Amino acid sequence: MMKIYLRKKFKKKLDKFYSQDKKIIELVDKQLSLFKASPTHPSLRLHKISTIKGNLRIIFTFYQEGILLVDIGSHDEVY
């Protein structure tokens, strides 16, 4: 099974988003579950980044036997 690792920066920013919108954790978990089941699923729209909701994106990299979640934020914040 694919493992998911979190950078401290990612966790801190995710907590900030969660404090503003309680549904963010649910949306992130849904996308990560879909990614675990089918990393190439078309609804993930993967290409170096993953869109969670509207302009909210996750940047990740493949790491060991899983992925490392690097950053989360708007398009302008993560680029």
N, C-alpha and C. Protein backbone atom coordinates (compact mmCIF):
# COMPACT_ATOMS: atom_id res chain seq x y z
N MET A 1 0.83 -1.18 0.00
CA MET A 1 0.00 0.00 0.00
C MET A 1 0.88 1.25 0.00
N MET A 2 0.46 2.23 -0.73
CA MET A 2 1.21 3.48 -0.84
C MET A 2 1.14 4.26 0.48
N LYS A 3 2.27 4.74 0.92
CA LYS A 3 2.32 5.54 2.14
C LYS A 3 2.29 7.02 1.77
N ILE A 4 1.77 7.82 2.69
CA ILE A 4 1.71 9.26 2.49
C ILE A 4 2.47 9.93 3.64
N TYR A 5 3.46 10.74 3.26
CA TYR A 5 4.28 11.46 4.22
C TYR A 5 3.94 12.95 4.12
N LEU A 6 4.01 13.64 5.24
CA LEU A 6 3.71 15.07 5.26
C LEU A 6 4.93 15.87 5.68
N ARG A 7 5.26 16.89 4.90
CA ARG A 7 6.28 17.83 5.34
C ARG A 7 5.68 18.71 6.43
N LYS A 8 6.51 19.21 7.33
CA LYS A 8 6.02 20.07 8.41
C LYS A 8 5.30 21.30 7.84
N LYS A 9 5.86 21.86 6.77
CA LYS A 9 5.26 23.03 6.13
C LYS A 9 3.85 22.69 5.63
N PHE A 10 3.69 21.52 5.04
CA PHE A 10 2.38 21.10 4.54
C PHE A 10 1.39 21.00 5.69
N LYS A 11 1.79 20.31 6.76
CA LYS A 11 0.90 20.11 7.92
C LYS A 11 0.49 21.45 8.52
N LYS A 12 1.42 22.37 8.66
CA LYS A 12 1.12 23.68 9.24
C LYS A 12 0.12 24.44 8.37
N LYS A 13 0.33 24.42 7.05
CA LYS A 13 -0.58 25.13 6.16
C LYS A 13 -1.94 24.45 6.09
N LEU A 14 -1.96 23.11 6.15
CA LEU A 14 -3.24 22.39 6.15
C LEU A 14 -4.04 22.76 7.39
N ASP A 15 -3.39 22.84 8.54
CA ASP A 15 -4.07 23.25 9.77
C ASP A 15 -4.67 24.64 9.64
N LYS A 16 -3.96 25.54 8.97
CA LYS A 16 -4.45 26.90 8.75
C LYS A 16 -5.70 26.88 7.88
N PHE A 17 -5.66 26.11 6.79
CA PHE A 17 -6.84 26.00 5.92
C PHE A 17 -8.00 25.39 6.67
N TYR A 18 -7.71 24.38 7.50
CA TYR A 18 -8.76 23.71 8.27
C TYR A 18 -9.43 24.69 9.23
N SER A 19 -8.66 25.58 9.83
CA SER A 19 -9.27 26.53 10.77
C SER A 19 -10.19 27.51 10.05
N GLN A 20 -9.98 27.70 8.75
CA GLN A 20 -10.82 28.60 7.96
C GLN A 20 -12.01 27.87 7.33
N ASP A 21 -11.86 26.59 7.05
CA ASP A 21 -12.91 25.81 6.38
C ASP A 21 -12.80 24.36 6.86
N LYS A 22 -13.70 23.96 7.74
CA LYS A 22 -13.65 22.63 8.36
C LYS A 22 -13.76 21.49 7.35
N LYS A 23 -14.29 21.75 6.16
CA LYS A 23 -14.46 20.69 5.17
C LYS A 23 -13.18 20.38 4.40
N ILE A 24 -12.15 21.19 4.57
CA ILE A 24 -10.90 20.99 3.84
C ILE A 24 -10.30 19.61 4.13
N ILE A 25 -10.28 19.20 5.40
CA ILE A 25 -9.70 17.91 5.76
C ILE A 25 -10.45 16.79 5.03
N GLU A 26 -11.77 16.88 4.99
CA GLU A 26 -12.59 15.89 4.30
C GLU A 26 -12.24 15.84 2.81
N LEU A 27 -12.08 17.00 2.18
CA LEU A 27 -11.75 17.06 0.76
C LEU A 27 -10.36 16.51 0.48
N VAL A 28 -9.41 16.86 1.33
CA VAL A 28 -8.04 16.36 1.17
C VAL A 28 -8.02 14.85 1.34
N ASP A 29 -8.70 14.35 2.38
CA ASP A 29 -8.75 12.90 2.61
C ASP A 29 -9.38 12.17 1.42
N LYS A 30 -10.44 12.74 0.86
CA LYS A 30 -11.12 12.13 -0.29
C LYS A 30 -10.16 12.02 -1.48
N GLN A 31 -9.45 13.10 -1.77
CA GLN A 31 -8.52 13.10 -2.90
C GLN A 31 -7.37 12.14 -2.67
N LEU A 32 -6.85 12.10 -1.44
CA LEU A 32 -5.74 11.19 -1.15
C LEU A 32 -6.18 9.73 -1.22
N SER A 33 -7.40 9.44 -0.78
CA SER A 33 -7.92 8.07 -0.88
C SER A 33 -8.06 7.66 -2.34
N LEU A 34 -8.57 8.57 -3.16
CA LEU A 34 -8.69 8.30 -4.58
C LEU A 34 -7.30 8.09 -5.20
N PHE A 35 -6.35 8.91 -4.79
CA PHE A 35 -4.98 8.78 -5.30
C PHE A 35 -4.38 7.43 -4.92
N LYS A 36 -4.60 6.99 -3.68
CA LYS A 36 -4.08 5.69 -3.24
C LYS A 36 -4.67 4.56 -4.08
N ALA A 37 -5.98 4.65 -4.36
CA ALA A 37 -6.66 3.59 -5.10
C ALA A 37 -6.28 3.59 -6.58
N SER A 38 -6.13 4.79 -7.14
CA SER A 38 -5.86 4.90 -8.57
C SER A 38 -5.10 6.19 -8.86
N PRO A 39 -3.77 6.17 -8.75
CA PRO A 39 -2.98 7.40 -8.92
C PRO A 39 -3.18 8.11 -10.25
N THR A 40 -3.66 7.40 -11.25
CA THR A 40 -3.84 8.04 -12.55
C THR A 40 -5.30 8.38 -12.85
N HIS A 41 -6.16 8.34 -11.84
CA HIS A 41 -7.58 8.62 -12.05
C HIS A 41 -7.76 10.01 -12.66
N PRO A 42 -8.54 10.12 -13.74
CA PRO A 42 -8.69 11.40 -14.45
C PRO A 42 -9.23 12.55 -13.60
N SER A 43 -10.08 12.24 -12.62
CA SER A 43 -10.65 13.34 -11.81
C SER A 43 -9.62 14.02 -10.93
N LEU A 44 -8.46 13.37 -10.72
CA LEU A 44 -7.41 13.99 -9.93
C LEU A 44 -6.70 15.10 -10.70
N ARG A 45 -6.79 15.05 -12.01
CA ARG A 45 -6.14 16.05 -12.88
C ARG A 45 -4.67 16.24 -12.47
N LEU A 46 -3.98 15.13 -12.30
CA LEU A 46 -2.59 15.18 -11.84
C LEU A 46 -1.64 15.62 -12.92
N HIS A 47 -0.74 16.46 -12.53
CA HIS A 47 0.40 16.89 -13.32
C HIS A 47 1.27 17.68 -12.36
N LYS A 48 2.14 17.09 -11.69
CA LYS A 48 3.01 17.73 -10.70
C LYS A 48 2.25 18.37 -9.55
N ILE A 49 0.97 18.75 -9.76
CA ILE A 49 0.15 19.28 -8.67
C ILE A 49 -1.20 18.58 -8.70
N SER A 50 -1.93 18.67 -7.63
CA SER A 50 -3.27 18.10 -7.55
C SER A 50 -4.22 19.18 -7.07
N THR A 51 -5.32 19.38 -7.77
CA THR A 51 -6.31 20.38 -7.38
C THR A 51 -7.28 19.75 -6.39
N ILE A 52 -7.48 20.41 -5.27
CA ILE A 52 -8.37 19.91 -4.23
C ILE A 52 -9.76 20.55 -4.35
N LYS A 53 -9.79 21.85 -4.45
CA LYS A 53 -11.06 22.57 -4.47
C LYS A 53 -10.79 23.93 -5.10
N GLY A 54 -11.47 24.24 -6.18
CA GLY A 54 -11.30 25.53 -6.80
C GLY A 54 -9.85 25.81 -7.10
N ASN A 55 -9.29 26.75 -6.38
CA ASN A 55 -7.90 27.17 -6.60
C ASN A 55 -6.94 26.52 -5.60
N LEU A 56 -7.41 25.60 -4.76
CA LEU A 56 -6.58 24.97 -3.75
C LEU A 56 -5.85 23.77 -4.35
N ARG A 57 -4.53 23.78 -4.22
CA ARG A 57 -3.71 22.74 -4.83
C ARG A 57 -2.75 22.12 -3.83
N ILE A 58 -2.38 20.89 -4.12
CA ILE A 58 -1.36 20.18 -3.33
C ILE A 58 -0.19 19.87 -4.24
N ILE A 59 0.98 20.17 -3.78
CA ILE A 59 2.19 19.78 -4.49
C ILE A 59 2.80 18.59 -3.74
N PHE A 60 3.15 17.56 -4.50
CA PHE A 60 3.73 16.37 -3.90
C PHE A 60 4.86 15.86 -4.78
N THR A 61 5.61 14.96 -4.21
CA THR A 61 6.64 14.26 -4.97
C THR A 61 6.60 12.79 -4.56
N PHE A 62 6.97 11.92 -5.47
CA PHE A 62 7.05 10.50 -5.11
C PHE A 62 8.25 10.34 -4.19
N TYR A 63 8.05 9.58 -3.11
CA TYR A 63 9.05 9.47 -2.05
C TYR A 63 9.03 8.05 -1.51
N GLN A 64 10.16 7.40 -1.53
CA GLN A 64 10.27 6.00 -1.06
C GLN A 64 9.17 5.17 -1.70
N GLU A 65 8.33 4.51 -0.88
CA GLU A 65 7.25 3.68 -1.43
C GLU A 65 5.91 4.41 -1.40
N GLY A 66 5.94 5.74 -1.41
CA GLY A 66 4.71 6.51 -1.37
C GLY A 66 4.90 7.89 -1.96
N ILE A 67 4.22 8.85 -1.35
CA ILE A 67 4.35 10.25 -1.77
C ILE A 67 4.61 11.13 -0.56
N LEU A 68 5.27 12.23 -0.82
CA LEU A 68 5.54 13.25 0.20
C LEU A 68 4.73 14.48 -0.18
N LEU A 69 3.80 14.88 0.69
CA LEU A 69 3.01 16.08 0.46
C LEU A 69 3.87 17.27 0.87
N VAL A 70 4.18 18.11 -0.10
CA VAL A 70 5.16 19.17 0.07
C VAL A 70 4.52 20.49 0.45
N ASP A 71 3.47 20.88 -0.26
CA ASP A 71 2.87 22.20 -0.04
C ASP A 71 1.40 22.17 -0.41
N ILE A 72 0.64 23.08 0.16
CA ILE A 72 -0.77 23.24 -0.14
C ILE A 72 -1.07 24.73 -0.15
N GLY A 73 -1.90 25.15 -1.09
CA GLY A 73 -2.26 26.56 -1.17
C GLY A 73 -2.86 26.90 -2.52
N SER A 74 -3.09 28.17 -2.73
CA SER A 74 -3.61 28.62 -4.00
C SER A 74 -2.52 28.51 -5.07
N HIS A 75 -2.92 28.64 -6.29
CA HIS A 75 -1.97 28.60 -7.41
C HIS A 75 -0.82 29.55 -7.17
N ASP A 76 -1.12 30.79 -6.80
CA ASP A 76 -0.08 31.80 -6.58
C ASP A 76 0.80 31.47 -5.37
N GLU A 77 0.23 30.85 -4.34
CA GLU A 77 1.01 30.54 -3.14
C GLU A 77 2.01 29.40 -3.36
N VAL A 78 1.65 28.43 -4.15
CA VAL A 78 2.51 27.25 -4.28
C VAL A 78 3.48 27.34 -5.46
N TYR A 79 3.35 28.38 -6.28
CA TYR A 79 4.29 28.54 -7.39
C TYR A 79 5.24 29.66 -7.14
